[in-house]
Every structure is written in C-alpha cells, then in structure tokens.
PDB file of N, CA and C in Angstrom:
ATOM      1  N   UNK A   1       0.962  -1.067   0.063  1.00  0.00           N
ATOM      2  CA  UNK A   1      -0.060   0.085  -0.004  1.00  0.00           C
ATOM      3  C   UNK A   1       0.977   1.393  -0.069  1.00  0.00           C
ATOM      4  N   UNK A   2       0.301   2.131  -0.735  1.00  0.00           N
ATOM      5  CA  UNK A   2       1.095   3.373  -0.823  1.00  0.00           C
ATOM      6  C   UNK A   2       1.107   4.011   0.473  1.00  0.00           C
ATOM      7  N   UNK A   3       2.427   4.631   1.142  1.00  0.00           N
ATOM      8  CA  UNK A   3       2.749   5.026   2.255  1.00  0.00           C
ATOM      9  C   UNK A   3       1.693   6.401   2.620  1.00  0.00           C
ATOM     10  N   UNK A   4       1.486   7.078   1.433  1.00  0.00           N
ATOM     11  CA  UNK A   4       0.610   8.238   1.763  1.00  0.00           C
ATOM     12  C   UNK A   4      -0.779   7.692   2.216  1.00  0.00           C
ATOM     13  N   UNK A   5      -1.241   6.759   1.572  1.00  0.00           N
ATOM     14  CA  UNK A   5      -2.657   6.313   2.014  1.00  0.00           C
ATOM     15  C   UNK A   5      -2.793   5.727   3.282  1.00  0.00           C
ATOM     16  N   UNK A   6      -1.405   5.161   3.662  1.00  0.00           N
ATOM     17  CA  UNK A   6      -1.450   4.571   5.159  1.00  0.00           C
ATOM     18  C   UNK A   6      -1.363   5.697   6.223  1.00  0.00           C
ATOM     19  N   UNK A   7      -0.800   6.772   5.825  1.00  0.00           N
ATOM     20  CA  UNK A   7      -0.781   7.970   6.752  1.00  0.00           C
ATOM     21  C   UNK A   7      -2.238   8.620   6.771  1.00  0.00           C
ATOM     22  N   UNK A   8      -2.790   8.691   5.702  1.00  0.00           N
ATOM     23  CA  UNK A   8      -4.228   9.244   5.703  1.00  0.00           C
ATOM     24  C   UNK A   8      -5.113   8.324   6.493  1.00  0.00           C
ATOM     25  N   UNK A   9      -4.993   6.976   6.415  1.00  0.00           N
ATOM     26  CA  UNK A   9      -5.813   5.959   7.354  1.00  0.00           C
ATOM     27  C   UNK A   9      -5.483   6.190   8.683  1.00  0.00           C
ATOM     28  N   UNK A  10      -4.362   6.338   9.098  1.00  0.00           N
ATOM     29  CA  UNK A  10      -3.750   6.546  10.463  1.00  0.00           C
ATOM     30  C   UNK A  10      -4.338   7.850  11.027  1.00  0.00           C
ATOM     31  N   UNK A  11      -4.445   8.734  10.245  1.00  0.00           N
ATOM     32  CA  UNK A  11      -4.999  10.266  10.577  1.00  0.00           C
ATOM     33  C   UNK A  11      -6.583   9.946  10.733  1.00  0.00           C
ATOM     34  N   UNK A  12      -7.203   9.455   9.856  1.00  0.00           N
ATOM     35  CA  UNK A  12      -8.605   9.179   9.933  1.00  0.00           C
ATOM     36  C   UNK A  12      -9.010   8.323  11.139  1.00  0.00           C
ATOM     37  N   UNK A  13      -8.071   7.346  11.296  1.00  0.00           N
ATOM     38  CA  UNK A  13      -8.357   6.420  12.683  1.00  0.00           C
ATOM     39  C   UNK A  13      -8.458   7.379  13.786  1.00  0.00           C
ATOM     40  N   UNK A  14      -7.486   8.053  14.085  1.00  0.00           N
ATOM     41  CA  UNK A  14      -7.425   9.146  15.269  1.00  0.00           C
ATOM     42  C   UNK A  14      -8.395   9.893  15.275  1.00  0.00           C
ATOM     43  N   UNK A  15      -8.925  10.341  14.116  1.00  0.00           N
ATOM     44  CA  UNK A  15     -10.072  11.375  14.100  1.00  0.00           C
ATOM     45  C   UNK A  15     -11.397  10.511  14.366  1.00  0.00           C
ATOM     46  N   UNK A  16     -11.547   9.398  13.938  1.00  0.00           N
ATOM     47  CA  UNK A  16     -12.649   8.715  14.292  1.00  0.00           C
ATOM     48  C   UNK A  16     -12.785   8.406  15.843  1.00  0.00           C
ATOM     49  N   UNK A  17     -11.712   7.996  16.218  1.00  0.00           N
ATOM     50  CA  UNK A  17     -11.661   7.913  17.697  1.00  0.00           C
ATOM     51  C   UNK A  17     -11.876   8.929  18.514  1.00  0.00           C
ATOM     52  N   UNK A  18     -11.341  10.098  18.011  1.00  0.00           N
ATOM     53  CA  UNK A  18     -11.522  11.273  18.828  1.00  0.00           C
ATOM     54  C   UNK A  18     -12.880  11.830  18.567  1.00  0.00           C
ATOM     55  N   UNK A  19     -13.525  11.766  17.584  1.00  0.00           N
ATOM     56  CA  UNK A  19     -14.895  11.953  17.380  1.00  0.00           C
ATOM     57  C   UNK A  19     -15.812  11.251  18.268  1.00  0.00           C
ATOM     58  N   UNK A  20     -15.584   9.769  18.521  1.00  0.00           N
ATOM     59  CA  UNK A  20     -16.254   9.221  19.280  1.00  0.00           C
ATOM     60  C   UNK A  20     -16.129   9.537  20.812  1.00  0.00           C
ATOM     61  N   UNK A  21     -14.871  10.068  21.195  1.00  0.00           N
ATOM     62  CA  UNK A  21     -14.712  10.412  22.490  1.00  0.00           C
ATOM     63  C   UNK A  21     -15.459  11.654  22.685  1.00  0.00           C
ATOM     64  N   UNK A  22     -15.599  12.494  21.885  1.00  0.00           N
ATOM     65  CA  UNK A  22     -16.118  13.796  22.052  1.00  0.00           C
ATOM     66  C   UNK A  22     -17.812  13.697  22.188  1.00  0.00           C
ATOM     67  N   UNK A  23     -18.336  12.504  21.662  1.00  0.00           N
ATOM     68  CA  UNK A  23     -19.774  12.253  21.801  1.00  0.00           C
ATOM     69  C   UNK A  23     -20.194  12.028  23.244  1.00  0.00           C
ATOM     70  N   UNK A  24     -19.425  11.744  24.212  1.00  0.00           N
ATOM     71  CA  UNK A  24     -19.582  11.428  25.590  1.00  0.00           C
ATOM     72  C   UNK A  24     -20.736  12.218  26.446  1.00  0.00           C
ATOM     73  N   UNK A  25     -20.893  13.337  25.962  1.00  0.00           N
ATOM     74  CA  UNK A  25     -21.889  14.140  26.593  1.00  0.00           C
ATOM     75  C   UNK A  25     -23.240  14.274  25.733  1.00  0.00           C
ATOM     76  N   UNK A  26     -23.307  13.731  24.638  1.00  0.00           N
ATOM     77  CA  UNK A  26     -24.349  13.570  23.782  1.00  0.00           C
ATOM     78  C   UNK A  26     -25.535  12.796  24.286  1.00  0.00           C
ATOM     79  N   UNK A  27     -26.869  13.108  24.256  1.00  0.00           N
ATOM     80  CA  UNK A  27     -27.854  12.200  24.561  1.00  0.00           C
ATOM     81  C   UNK A  27     -27.891  10.781  23.843  1.00  0.00           C
ATOM     82  N   UNK A  28     -27.449  10.615  22.594  1.00  0.00           N
ATOM     83  CA  UNK A  28     -27.388   9.452  21.782  1.00  0.00           C
ATOM     84  C   UNK A  28     -25.897   9.042  21.790  1.00  0.00           C
ATOM     85  N   UNK A  29     -25.237   9.324  22.752  1.00  0.00           N
ATOM     86  CA  UNK A  29     -23.732   8.884  22.516  1.00  0.00           C
ATOM     87  C   UNK A  29     -23.399   7.443  21.929  1.00  0.00           C
ATOM     88  N   UNK A  30     -24.220   6.725  22.297  1.00  0.00           N
ATOM     89  CA  UNK A  30     -23.757   5.282  22.090  1.00  0.00           C
ATOM     90  C   UNK A  30     -24.067   4.929  20.733  1.00  0.00           C
ATOM     91  N   UNK A  31     -24.947   5.698  19.912  1.00  0.00           N
ATOM     92  CA  UNK A  31     -25.055   5.611  18.334  1.00  0.00           C
ATOM     93  C   UNK A  31     -23.987   6.157  17.771  1.00  0.00           C
ATOM     94  N   UNK A  32     -23.243   7.223  18.494  1.00  0.00           N
ATOM     95  CA  UNK A  32     -22.334   7.877  17.569  1.00  0.00           C
ATOM     96  C   UNK A  32     -20.857   6.926  17.926  1.00  0.00           C
ATOM     97  N   UNK A  33     -20.909   6.408  19.164  1.00  0.00           N
ATOM     98  CA  UNK A  33     -19.700   5.464  19.282  1.00  0.00           C
ATOM     99  C   UNK A  33     -19.745   4.285  18.119  1.00  0.00           C
ATOM    100  N   UNK A  34     -20.811   3.744  18.081  1.00  0.00           N
ATOM    101  CA  UNK A  34     -20.960   2.857  16.988  1.00  0.00           C
ATOM    102  C   UNK A  34     -20.599   3.291  15.560  1.00  0.00           C
ATOM    103  N   UNK A  35     -21.074   4.373  15.195  1.00  0.00           N
ATOM    104  CA  UNK A  35     -20.895   5.057  13.982  1.00  0.00           C
ATOM    105  C   UNK A  35     -19.333   5.332  13.686  1.00  0.00           C
ATOM    106  N   UNK A  36     -18.797   6.351  14.649  1.00  0.00           N
ATOM    107  CA  UNK A  36     -17.340   6.332  14.533  1.00  0.00           C
ATOM    108  C   UNK A  36     -16.448   5.180  14.989  1.00  0.00           C
ATOM    109  N   UNK A  37     -17.053   4.380  15.690  1.00  0.00           N
ATOM    110  CA  UNK A  37     -16.227   3.176  15.768  1.00  0.00           C
ATOM    111  C   UNK A  37     -16.009   2.350  14.756  1.00  0.00           C
ATOM    112  N   UNK A  38     -17.059   2.241  13.710  1.00  0.00           N
ATOM    113  CA  UNK A  38     -17.166   1.500  12.642  1.00  0.00           C
ATOM    114  C   UNK A  38     -16.024   2.064  11.802  1.00  0.00           C
ATOM    115  N   UNK A  39     -16.022   3.371  11.658  1.00  0.00           N
ATOM    116  CA  UNK A  39     -15.004   4.298  10.825  1.00  0.00           C
ATOM    117  C   UNK A  39     -13.559   3.895  11.190  1.00  0.00           C
ATOM    118  N   UNK A  40     -13.262   3.905  12.726  1.00  0.00           N
ATOM    119  CA  UNK A  40     -11.973   3.612  13.116  1.00  0.00           C
ATOM    120  C   UNK A  40     -11.544   2.205  12.808  1.00  0.00           C
ATOM    121  N   UNK A  41     -12.396   1.269  13.044  1.00  0.00           N
ATOM    122  CA  UNK A  41     -12.269  -0.207  12.688  1.00  0.00           C
ATOM    123  C   UNK A  41     -11.918  -0.569  11.071  1.00  0.00           C
ATOM    124  N   UNK A  42     -12.814   0.210  10.166  1.00  0.00           N
ATOM    125  CA  UNK A  42     -12.398   0.180   8.843  1.00  0.00           C
ATOM    126  C   UNK A  42     -11.195   0.928   8.394  1.00  0.00           C
ATOM    127  N   UNK A  43     -10.913   1.808   9.059  1.00  0.00           N
ATOM    128  CA  UNK A  43      -9.617   2.433   8.900  1.00  0.00           C
ATOM    129  C   UNK A  43      -8.270   1.612   9.295  1.00  0.00           C
ATOM    130  N   UNK A  44      -8.543   0.831  10.476  1.00  0.00           N
ATOM    131  CA  UNK A  44      -7.389  -0.011  10.968  1.00  0.00           C
ATOM    132  C   UNK A  44      -7.458  -1.204   9.973  1.00  0.00           C
ATOM    133  N   UNK A  45      -8.478  -1.698   9.612  1.00  0.00           N
ATOM    134  CA  UNK A  45      -8.461  -2.834   8.481  1.00  0.00           C
ATOM    135  C   UNK A  45      -7.729  -2.488   7.398  1.00  0.00           C
ATOM    136  N   UNK A  46      -8.047  -1.124   6.725  1.00  0.00           N
ATOM    137  CA  UNK A  46      -7.364  -0.619   5.631  1.00  0.00           C
ATOM    138  C   UNK A  46      -5.851  -0.631   5.682  1.00  0.00           C
ATOM    139  N   UNK A  47      -5.320  -0.020   6.972  1.00  0.00           N
ATOM    140  CA  UNK A  47      -4.059  -0.265   7.216  1.00  0.00           C
ATOM    141  C   UNK A  47      -3.368  -1.298   7.110  1.00  0.00           C
ATOM    142  N   UNK A  48      -4.002  -2.418   7.536  1.00  0.00           N
ATOM    143  CA  UNK A  48      -3.481  -3.700   7.533  1.00  0.00           C
ATOM    144  C   UNK A  48      -3.845  -4.441   6.446  1.00  0.00           C
ATOM    145  N   UNK A  49      -4.380  -3.934   5.394  1.00  0.00           N
ATOM    146  CA  UNK A  49      -4.787  -4.481   4.243  1.00  0.00           C
ATOM    147  C   UNK A  49      -5.738  -5.635   4.401  1.00  0.00           C
ATOM    148  N   UNK A  50      -6.634  -5.456   5.312  1.00  0.00           N
ATOM    149  CA  UNK A  50      -7.900  -6.327   5.470  1.00  0.00           C
ATOM    150  C   UNK A  50      -9.281  -5.717   5.113  1.00  0.00           C
ATOM    151  N   UNK A  51      -9.341  -4.644   4.724  1.00  0.00           N
ATOM    152  CA  UNK A  51     -10.530  -4.245   4.309  1.00  0.00           C
ATOM    153  C   UNK A  51     -11.034  -4.669   3.076  1.00  0.00           C
ATOM    154  N   UNK A  52     -12.170  -5.144   2.967  1.00  0.00           N
ATOM    155  CA  UNK A  52     -12.611  -5.511   1.671  1.00  0.00           C
ATOM    156  C   UNK A  52     -13.409  -4.572   0.886  1.00  0.00           C
ATOM    157  N   UNK A  53     -13.289  -4.430  -0.252  1.00  0.00           N
ATOM    158  CA  UNK A  53     -13.734  -3.274  -1.080  1.00  0.00           C
ATOM    159  C   UNK A  53     -15.285  -3.140  -0.702  1.00  0.00           C
ATOM    160  N   UNK A  54     -16.101  -4.315  -0.689  1.00  0.00           N
ATOM    161  CA  UNK A  54     -17.513  -4.192  -0.534  1.00  0.00           C
ATOM    162  C   UNK A  54     -17.998  -3.608   0.775  1.00  0.00           C
ATOM    163  N   UNK A  55     -17.090  -3.713   1.813  1.00  0.00           N
ATOM    164  CA  UNK A  55     -17.343  -3.279   3.153  1.00  0.00           C
ATOM    165  C   UNK A  55     -17.119  -1.608   3.047  1.00  0.00           C
ATOM    166  N   UNK A  56     -16.126  -1.159   2.380  1.00  0.00           N
ATOM    167  CA  UNK A  56     -15.934   0.083   2.218  1.00  0.00           C
ATOM    168  C   UNK A  56     -17.048   0.848   1.530  1.00  0.00           C
ATOM    169  N   UNK A  57     -17.458   0.295   0.562  1.00  0.00           N
ATOM    170  CA  UNK A  57     -18.802   0.628  -0.146  1.00  0.00           C
ATOM    171  C   UNK A  57     -20.015   0.687   0.666  1.00  0.00           C
ATOM    172  N   UNK A  58     -20.186  -0.434   1.364  1.00  0.00           N
ATOM    173  CA  UNK A  58     -21.407  -0.593   2.250  1.00  0.00           C
ATOM    174  C   UNK A  58     -21.426   0.649   3.374  1.00  0.00           C
ATOM    175  N   UNK A  59     -20.072   0.817   3.982  1.00  0.00           N
ATOM    176  CA  UNK A  59     -20.020   1.882   4.951  1.00  0.00           C
ATOM    177  C   UNK A  59     -20.235   3.221   4.339  1.00  0.00           C
ATOM    178  N   UNK A  60     -19.662   3.486   3.093  1.00  0.00           N
ATOM    179  CA  UNK A  60     -19.885   4.810   2.474  1.00  0.00           C
ATOM    180  C   UNK A  60     -21.239   5.041   2.171  1.00  0.00           C
ATOM    181  N   UNK A  61     -21.966   3.988   1.614  1.00  0.00           N
ATOM    182  CA  UNK A  61     -23.322   4.122   1.422  1.00  0.00           C
ATOM    183  C   UNK A  61     -24.336   4.366   2.796  1.00  0.00           C
ATOM    184  N   UNK A  62     -23.769   3.633   3.807  1.00  0.00           N
ATOM    185  CA  UNK A  62     -24.262   3.834   5.075  1.00  0.00           C
ATOM    186  C   UNK A  62     -24.315   5.376   5.501  1.00  0.00           C
ATOM    187  N   UNK A  63     -22.929   5.843   5.496  1.00  0.00           N
ATOM    188  CA  UNK A  63     -22.519   7.185   6.039  1.00  0.00           C
ATOM    189  C   UNK A  63     -23.368   8.228   5.219  1.00  0.00           C
ATOM    190  N   UNK A  64     -23.408   8.126   3.919  1.00  0.00           N
ATOM    191  CA  UNK A  64     -24.104   9.179   2.971  1.00  0.00           C
ATOM    192  C   UNK A  64     -25.709   8.983   3.121  1.00  0.00           C
ATOM    193  N   UNK A  65     -26.171   7.741   3.230  1.00  0.00           N
ATOM    194  CA  UNK A  65     -27.551   7.691   3.562  1.00  0.00           C
ATOM    195  C   UNK A  65     -27.898   8.228   4.862  1.00  0.00           C
ATOM    196  N   UNK A  66     -27.282   7.843   6.013  1.00  0.00           N
ATOM    197  CA  UNK A  66     -27.616   8.358   7.337  1.00  0.00           C
ATOM    198  C   UNK A  66     -27.506   9.992   7.249  1.00  0.00           C
ATOM    199  N   UNK A  67     -26.559  10.369   6.712  1.00  0.00           N
ATOM    200  CA  UNK A  67     -26.336  11.957   6.475  1.00  0.00           C
ATOM    201  C   UNK A  67     -27.593  12.603   5.862  1.00  0.00           C
ATOM    202  N   UNK A  68     -28.160  11.937   4.872  1.00  0.00           N
ATOM    203  CA  UNK A  68     -29.231  12.535   4.054  1.00  0.00           C
ATOM    204  C   UNK A  68     -30.392  12.410   4.979  1.00  0.00           C
ATOM    205  N   UNK A  69     -30.474  11.151   5.637  1.00  0.00           N
ATOM    206  CA  UNK A  69     -31.592  11.102   6.578  1.00  0.00           C
ATOM    207  C   UNK A  69     -31.722  12.132   7.801  1.00  0.00           C
ATOM    208  N   UNK A  70     -30.526  12.480   8.314  1.00  0.00           N
ATOM    209  CA  UNK A  70     -30.519  13.274   9.404  1.00  0.00           C
ATOM    210  C   UNK A  70     -30.321  14.864   8.951  1.00  0.00           C
ATOM    211  N   UNK A  71     -30.405  15.225   7.826  1.00  0.00           N
ATOM    212  CA  UNK A  71     -30.260  16.399   7.381  1.00  0.00           C
ATOM    213  C   UNK A  71     -31.126  17.329   8.099  1.00  0.00           C
ATOM    214  N   UNK A  72     -30.655  18.509   8.697  1.00  0.00           N
ATOM    215  CA  UNK A  72     -31.645  19.477   9.420  1.00  0.00           C
ATOM    216  C   UNK A  72     -32.801  19.856   8.631  1.00  0.00           C
ATOM    217  N   UNK A  73     -33.704  20.266   9.282  1.00  0.00           N
ATOM    218  CA  UNK A  73     -34.837  20.819   8.683  1.00  0.00           C
ATOM    219  C   UNK A  73     -34.536  21.970   7.961  1.00  0.00           C
ATOM    220  N   UNK A  74     -33.690  23.004   8.613  1.00  0.00           N
ATOM    221  CA  UNK A  74     -33.088  24.205   7.980  1.00  0.00           C
ATOM    222  C   UNK A  74     -31.791  24.277   8.174  1.00  0.00           C
ATOM    223  N   UNK A  75     -30.963  24.133   7.295  1.00  0.00           N
ATOM    224  CA  UNK A  75     -29.512  24.423   7.459  1.00  0.00           C
ATOM    225  C   UNK A  75     -29.190  25.884   7.911  1.00  0.00           C
ATOM    226  N   UNK A  76     -28.521  25.952   9.278  1.00  0.00           N
ATOM    227  CA  UNK A  76     -28.258  27.179   9.531  1.00  0.00           C
ATOM    228  C   UNK A  76     -26.700  27.223   9.940  1.00  0.00           C
ATOM    229  N   UNK A  77     -25.776  26.375   9.372  1.00  0.00           N
ATOM    230  CA  UNK A  77     -24.492  26.586   9.604  1.00  0.00           C
ATOM    231  C   UNK A  77     -24.053  25.670  10.650  1.00  0.00           C
ATOM    232  N   UNK A  78     -22.813  25.816  11.080  1.00  0.00           N
ATOM    233  CA  UNK A  78     -22.181  24.917  12.262  1.00  0.00           C
ATOM    234  C   UNK A  78     -21.983  25.659  13.435  1.00  0.00           C
ATOM    235  N   UNK A  79     -22.067  26.985  13.413  1.00  0.00           N
ATOM    236  CA  UNK A  79     -21.594  27.706  14.784  1.00  0.00           C
ATOM    237  C   UNK A  79     -22.777  28.033  15.653  1.00  0.00           C
ATOM    238  N   UNK A  80     -22.382  27.848  16.911  1.00  0.00           N
ATOM    239  CA  UNK A  80     -23.578  28.228  17.867  1.00  0.00           C
ATOM    240  C   UNK A  80     -23.780  29.749  17.721  1.00  0.00           C
ATOM    241  N   UNK A  81     -25.138  30.042  18.341  1.00  0.00           N
ATOM    242  CA  UNK A  81     -25.578  31.247  18.195  1.00  0.00           C
ATOM    243  C   UNK A  81     -25.890  31.913  16.740  1.00  0.00           C
ATOM    244  N   UNK A  82     -25.805  31.191  15.820  1.00  0.00           N
ATOM    245  CA  UNK A  82     -26.443  31.499  14.417  1.00  0.00           C
ATOM    246  C   UNK A  82     -27.529  30.908  14.018  1.00  0.00           C
ATOM    247  N   UNK A  83     -28.333  30.302  14.922  1.00  0.00           N
ATOM    248  CA  UNK A  83     -29.578  29.858  14.649  1.00  0.00           C
ATOM    249  C   UNK A  83     -30.058  28.898  15.610  1.00  0.00           C
ATOM    250  N   UNK A  84     -31.144  28.087  15.211  1.00  0.00           N
ATOM    251  CA  UNK A  84     -31.770  27.039  16.276  1.00  0.00           C
ATOM    252  C   UNK A  84     -30.478  26.057  16.522  1.00  0.00           C
ATOM    253  N   UNK A  85     -30.306  25.533  17.843  1.00  0.00           N
ATOM    254  CA  UNK A  85     -29.289  24.790  18.255  1.00  0.00           C
ATOM    255  C   UNK A  85     -29.563  23.382  17.698  1.00  0.00           C
ATOM    256  N   UNK A  86     -30.891  23.048  17.611  1.00  0.00           N
ATOM    257  CA  UNK A  86     -31.059  21.526  17.024  1.00  0.00           C
ATOM    258  C   UNK A  86     -30.568  21.583  15.806  1.00  0.00           C
ATOM    259  N   UNK A  87     -30.888  22.326  14.682  1.00  0.00           N
ATOM    260  CA  UNK A  87     -30.368  22.495  13.547  1.00  0.00           C
ATOM    261  C   UNK A  87     -29.121  22.491  13.257  1.00  0.00           C
ATOM    262  N   UNK A  88     -28.367  23.244  14.167  1.00  0.00           N
ATOM    263  CA  UNK A  88     -26.916  23.336  14.163  1.00  0.00           C
ATOM    264  C   UNK A  88     -26.200  22.101  14.574  1.00  0.00           C
ATOM    265  N   UNK A  89     -26.703  21.370  15.602  1.00  0.00           N
ATOM    266  CA  UNK A  89     -26.386  19.960  15.971  1.00  0.00           C
ATOM    267  C   UNK A  89     -26.418  19.216  14.887  1.00  0.00           C
ATOM    268  N   UNK A  90     -27.714  19.183  14.326  1.00  0.00           N
ATOM    269  CA  UNK A  90     -27.825  18.008  13.100  1.00  0.00           C
ATOM    270  C   UNK A  90     -26.782  18.303  12.020  1.00  0.00           C
ATOM    271  N   UNK A  91     -26.623  19.708  11.664  1.00  0.00           N
ATOM    272  CA  UNK A  91     -25.609  19.923  10.698  1.00  0.00           C
ATOM    273  C   UNK A  91     -24.361  19.433  10.799  1.00  0.00           C
ATOM    274  N   UNK A  92     -23.970  19.702  12.308  1.00  0.00           N
ATOM    275  CA  UNK A  92     -22.506  18.978  12.618  1.00  0.00           C
ATOM    276  C   UNK A  92     -22.414  17.533  12.401  1.00  0.00           C
ATOM    277  N   UNK A  93     -23.725  17.039  12.891  1.00  0.00           N
ATOM    278  CA  UNK A  93     -23.627  15.390  12.825  1.00  0.00           C
ATOM    279  C   UNK A  93     -23.578  15.068  11.413  1.00  0.00           C
ATOM    280  N   UNK A  94     -24.367  15.852  10.429  1.00  0.00           N
ATOM    281  CA  UNK A  94     -24.284  15.538   9.156  1.00  0.00           C
ATOM    282  C   UNK A  94     -22.805  15.722   8.369  1.00  0.00           C
ATOM    283  N   UNK A  95     -22.153  16.850   8.852  1.00  0.00           N
ATOM    284  CA  UNK A  95     -20.857  16.970   8.318  1.00  0.00           C
ATOM    285  C   UNK A  95     -19.797  16.006   8.717  1.00  0.00           C
ATOM    286  N   UNK A  96     -19.965  15.423  10.117  1.00  0.00           N
ATOM    287  CA  UNK A  96     -19.265  14.349  10.306  1.00  0.00           C
ATOM    288  C   UNK A  96     -19.463  12.992   9.482  1.00  0.00           C
ATOM    289  N   UNK A  97     -20.827  12.813   9.278  1.00  0.00           N
ATOM    290  CA  UNK A  97     -21.207  11.749   8.378  1.00  0.00           C
ATOM    291  C   UNK A  97     -20.758  11.670   7.127  1.00  0.00           C
ATOM    292  N   UNK A  98     -20.723  13.026   6.560  1.00  0.00           N
ATOM    293  CA  UNK A  98     -20.154  13.084   5.228  1.00  0.00           C
ATOM    294  C   UNK A  98     -18.609  12.883   5.069  1.00  0.00           C
ATOM    295  N   UNK A  99     -17.973  13.483   6.010  1.00  0.00           N
ATOM    296  CA  UNK A  99     -16.531  13.316   6.183  1.00  0.00           C
ATOM    297  C   UNK A  99     -16.248  11.847   6.199  1.00  0.00           C
ATOM    298  N   UNK A 100     -16.987  11.037   7.058  1.00  0.00           N
ATOM    299  CA  UNK A 100     -16.774   9.501   7.358  1.00  0.00           C
ATOM    300  C   UNK A 100     -17.112   9.008   5.889  1.00  0.00           C
ATOM    301  N   UNK A 101     -18.025   9.198   5.234  1.00  0.00           N
ATOM    302  CA  UNK A 101     -18.333   8.701   3.811  1.00  0.00           C
ATOM    303  C   UNK A 101     -17.207   8.878   2.909  1.00  0.00           C
ATOM    304  N   UNK A 102     -16.586  10.163   2.787  1.00  0.00           N
ATOM    305  CA  UNK A 102     -15.514  10.190   1.898  1.00  0.00           C
ATOM    306  C   UNK A 102     -14.358   9.494   2.285  1.00  0.00           C
ATOM    307  N   UNK A 103     -14.065   9.315   3.563  1.00  0.00           N
ATOM    308  CA  UNK A 103     -13.090   8.564   4.030  1.00  0.00           C
ATOM    309  C   UNK A 103     -13.131   7.069   3.411  1.00  0.00           C
ATOM    310  N   UNK A 104     -14.500   6.584   3.487  1.00  0.00           N
ATOM    311  CA  UNK A 104     -14.532   5.188   2.918  1.00  0.00           C
ATOM    312  C   UNK A 104     -14.352   5.393   1.413  1.00  0.00           C
ATOM    313  N   UNK A 105     -14.807   6.365   0.882  1.00  0.00           N
ATOM    314  CA  UNK A 105     -14.625   6.324  -0.690  1.00  0.00           C
ATOM    315  C   UNK A 105     -13.100   6.404  -1.122  1.00  0.00           C
ATOM    316  N   UNK A 106     -12.382   7.131  -0.048  1.00  0.00           N
ATOM    317  CA  UNK A 106     -10.989   7.207  -0.413  1.00  0.00           C
ATOM    318  C   UNK A 106     -10.317   5.827  -0.314  1.00  0.00           C
ATOM    319  N   UNK A 107     -10.801   5.089   0.641  1.00  0.00           N
ATOM    320  CA  UNK A 107     -10.314   3.684   0.898  1.00  0.00           C
ATOM    321  C   UNK A 107     -10.516   2.885  -0.387  1.00  0.00           C
ATOM    322  N   UNK A 108     -11.859   2.913  -0.905  1.00  0.00           N
ATOM    323  CA  UNK A 108     -12.381   2.195  -2.009  1.00  0.00           C
ATOM    324  C   UNK A 108     -11.661   2.435  -3.180  1.00  0.00           C
ATOM    325  N   UNK A 109     -11.430   3.834  -3.647  1.00  0.00           N
ATOM    326  CA  UNK A 109     -10.538   4.280  -4.725  1.00  0.00           C
ATOM    327  C   UNK A 109      -9.272   3.717  -4.691  1.00  0.00           C
ATOM    328  N   UNK A 110      -8.532   3.778  -3.578  1.00  0.00           N
ATOM    329  CA  UNK A 110      -7.274   3.211  -3.447  1.00  0.00           C
ATOM    330  C   UNK A 110      -7.149   1.744  -3.718  1.00  0.00           C
ATOM    331  N   UNK A 111      -8.136   1.035  -3.077  1.00  0.00           N
ATOM    332  CA  UNK A 111      -8.275  -0.514  -3.370  1.00  0.00           C
ATOM    333  C   UNK A 111      -8.460  -0.781  -4.586  1.00  0.00           C
ATOM    334  N   UNK A 112      -9.526  -0.071  -5.351  1.00  0.00           N
ATOM    335  CA  UNK A 112      -9.802  -0.361  -6.675  1.00  0.00           C
ATOM    336  C   UNK A 112      -8.462   0.046  -7.728  1.00  0.00           C
ATOM    337  N   UNK A 113      -7.926   0.954  -7.284  1.00  0.00           N
ATOM    338  CA  UNK A 113      -6.578   1.399  -8.210  1.00  0.00           C
ATOM    339  C   UNK A 113      -5.634   0.312  -7.875  1.00  0.00           C
ATOM    340  N   UNK A 114      -5.257  -0.151  -6.589  1.00  0.00           N
ATOM    341  CA  UNK A 114      -4.451  -1.184  -6.368  1.00  0.00           C
ATOM    342  C   UNK A 114      -4.616  -2.396  -6.901  1.00  0.00           C
ATOM    343  N   UNK A 115      -5.885  -2.963  -7.121  1.00  0.00           N
ATOM    344  CA  UNK A 115      -6.501  -4.102  -7.569  1.00  0.00           C
ATOM    345  C   UNK A 115      -6.259  -3.928  -9.091  1.00  0.00           C
ATOM    346  N   UNK A 116      -6.604  -2.769  -9.824  1.00  0.00           N
ATOM    347  CA  UNK A 116      -6.559  -2.438 -11.222  1.00  0.00           C
ATOM    348  C   UNK A 116      -5.060  -2.750 -11.758  1.00  0.00           C
ATOM    349  N   UNK A 117      -4.138  -2.229 -10.990  1.00  0.00           N
ATOM    350  CA  UNK A 117      -2.844  -2.059 -11.369  1.00  0.00           C
ATOM    351  C   UNK A 117      -2.093  -3.363 -11.370  1.00  0.00           C
ATOM    352  N   UNK A 118      -2.692  -4.575 -10.498  1.00  0.00           N
ATOM    353  CA  UNK A 118      -2.143  -5.630 -10.343  1.00  0.00           C
ATOM    354  C   UNK A 118      -2.451  -6.582 -11.561  1.00  0.00           C
ATOM    355  N   UNK A 119      -3.478  -6.173 -12.334  1.00  0.00           N
ATOM    356  CA  UNK A 119      -3.901  -7.010 -13.498  1.00  0.00           C
ATOM    357  C   UNK A 119      -3.044  -6.868 -14.701  1.00  0.00           C
TER     358      UNK A 119
END
C-alpha cells in the first residue's frame, strides 16, 4: 500500500476515535460510538490491508444515507448562536457523516486502483 494512504488512514483512525470520545456528553452517545467506531475499525483494517472493497462501499453508502436521513430541517451552519441549536447540532452530525463517507470512498478508490494495477 502506498505510504501516503497509510498515513491518511492513520489520521482518519485518530479522528474517528477522537470524534467518538467527544460524543460522551451527547444524549445519543452510544449511536455515535458505533458510527465512529465502525469508521475507526474500517481504517485499521485498511491500514493492515484487510478491508474488503465491498465493506468500504457498504460503509460509504451507510454514512451518506444516514447523513441525508439526518439532514436538518433548515441548514443554519455549524456555529452556535447563528440559529436554532437543534439545526446546528444536526448540521454538525451530518458534516461528520459526510466526512466519514468520503474517507470510505478514499479507501475504496485506493483499493480499486491497487487491484487494477495488479492486473
């Protein structure tokens, strides 16, 4: 595996774990532990070359689908005091889900390219 992608996966692993830790005061913290925990686990599997492309795609679809499902009723940004706190919290959650989905797409693209160049 390309060293750059391994470094990216390590960074995403740390970010997923940190994101899960920050959910400790959230009322639905367990849900976010699972969501970010799956991302961290997928990143670790990617680092050790054990992530299957179909799981990367499944996780990307899950993250993007859940982001769309959780889209706030009115997008008011990410900053507190700029609108309704519920909409801002939802926007932040959606942002994290989109970042997670893009991370899975990066892993899938790398795996696809690596498999294609072996042929």
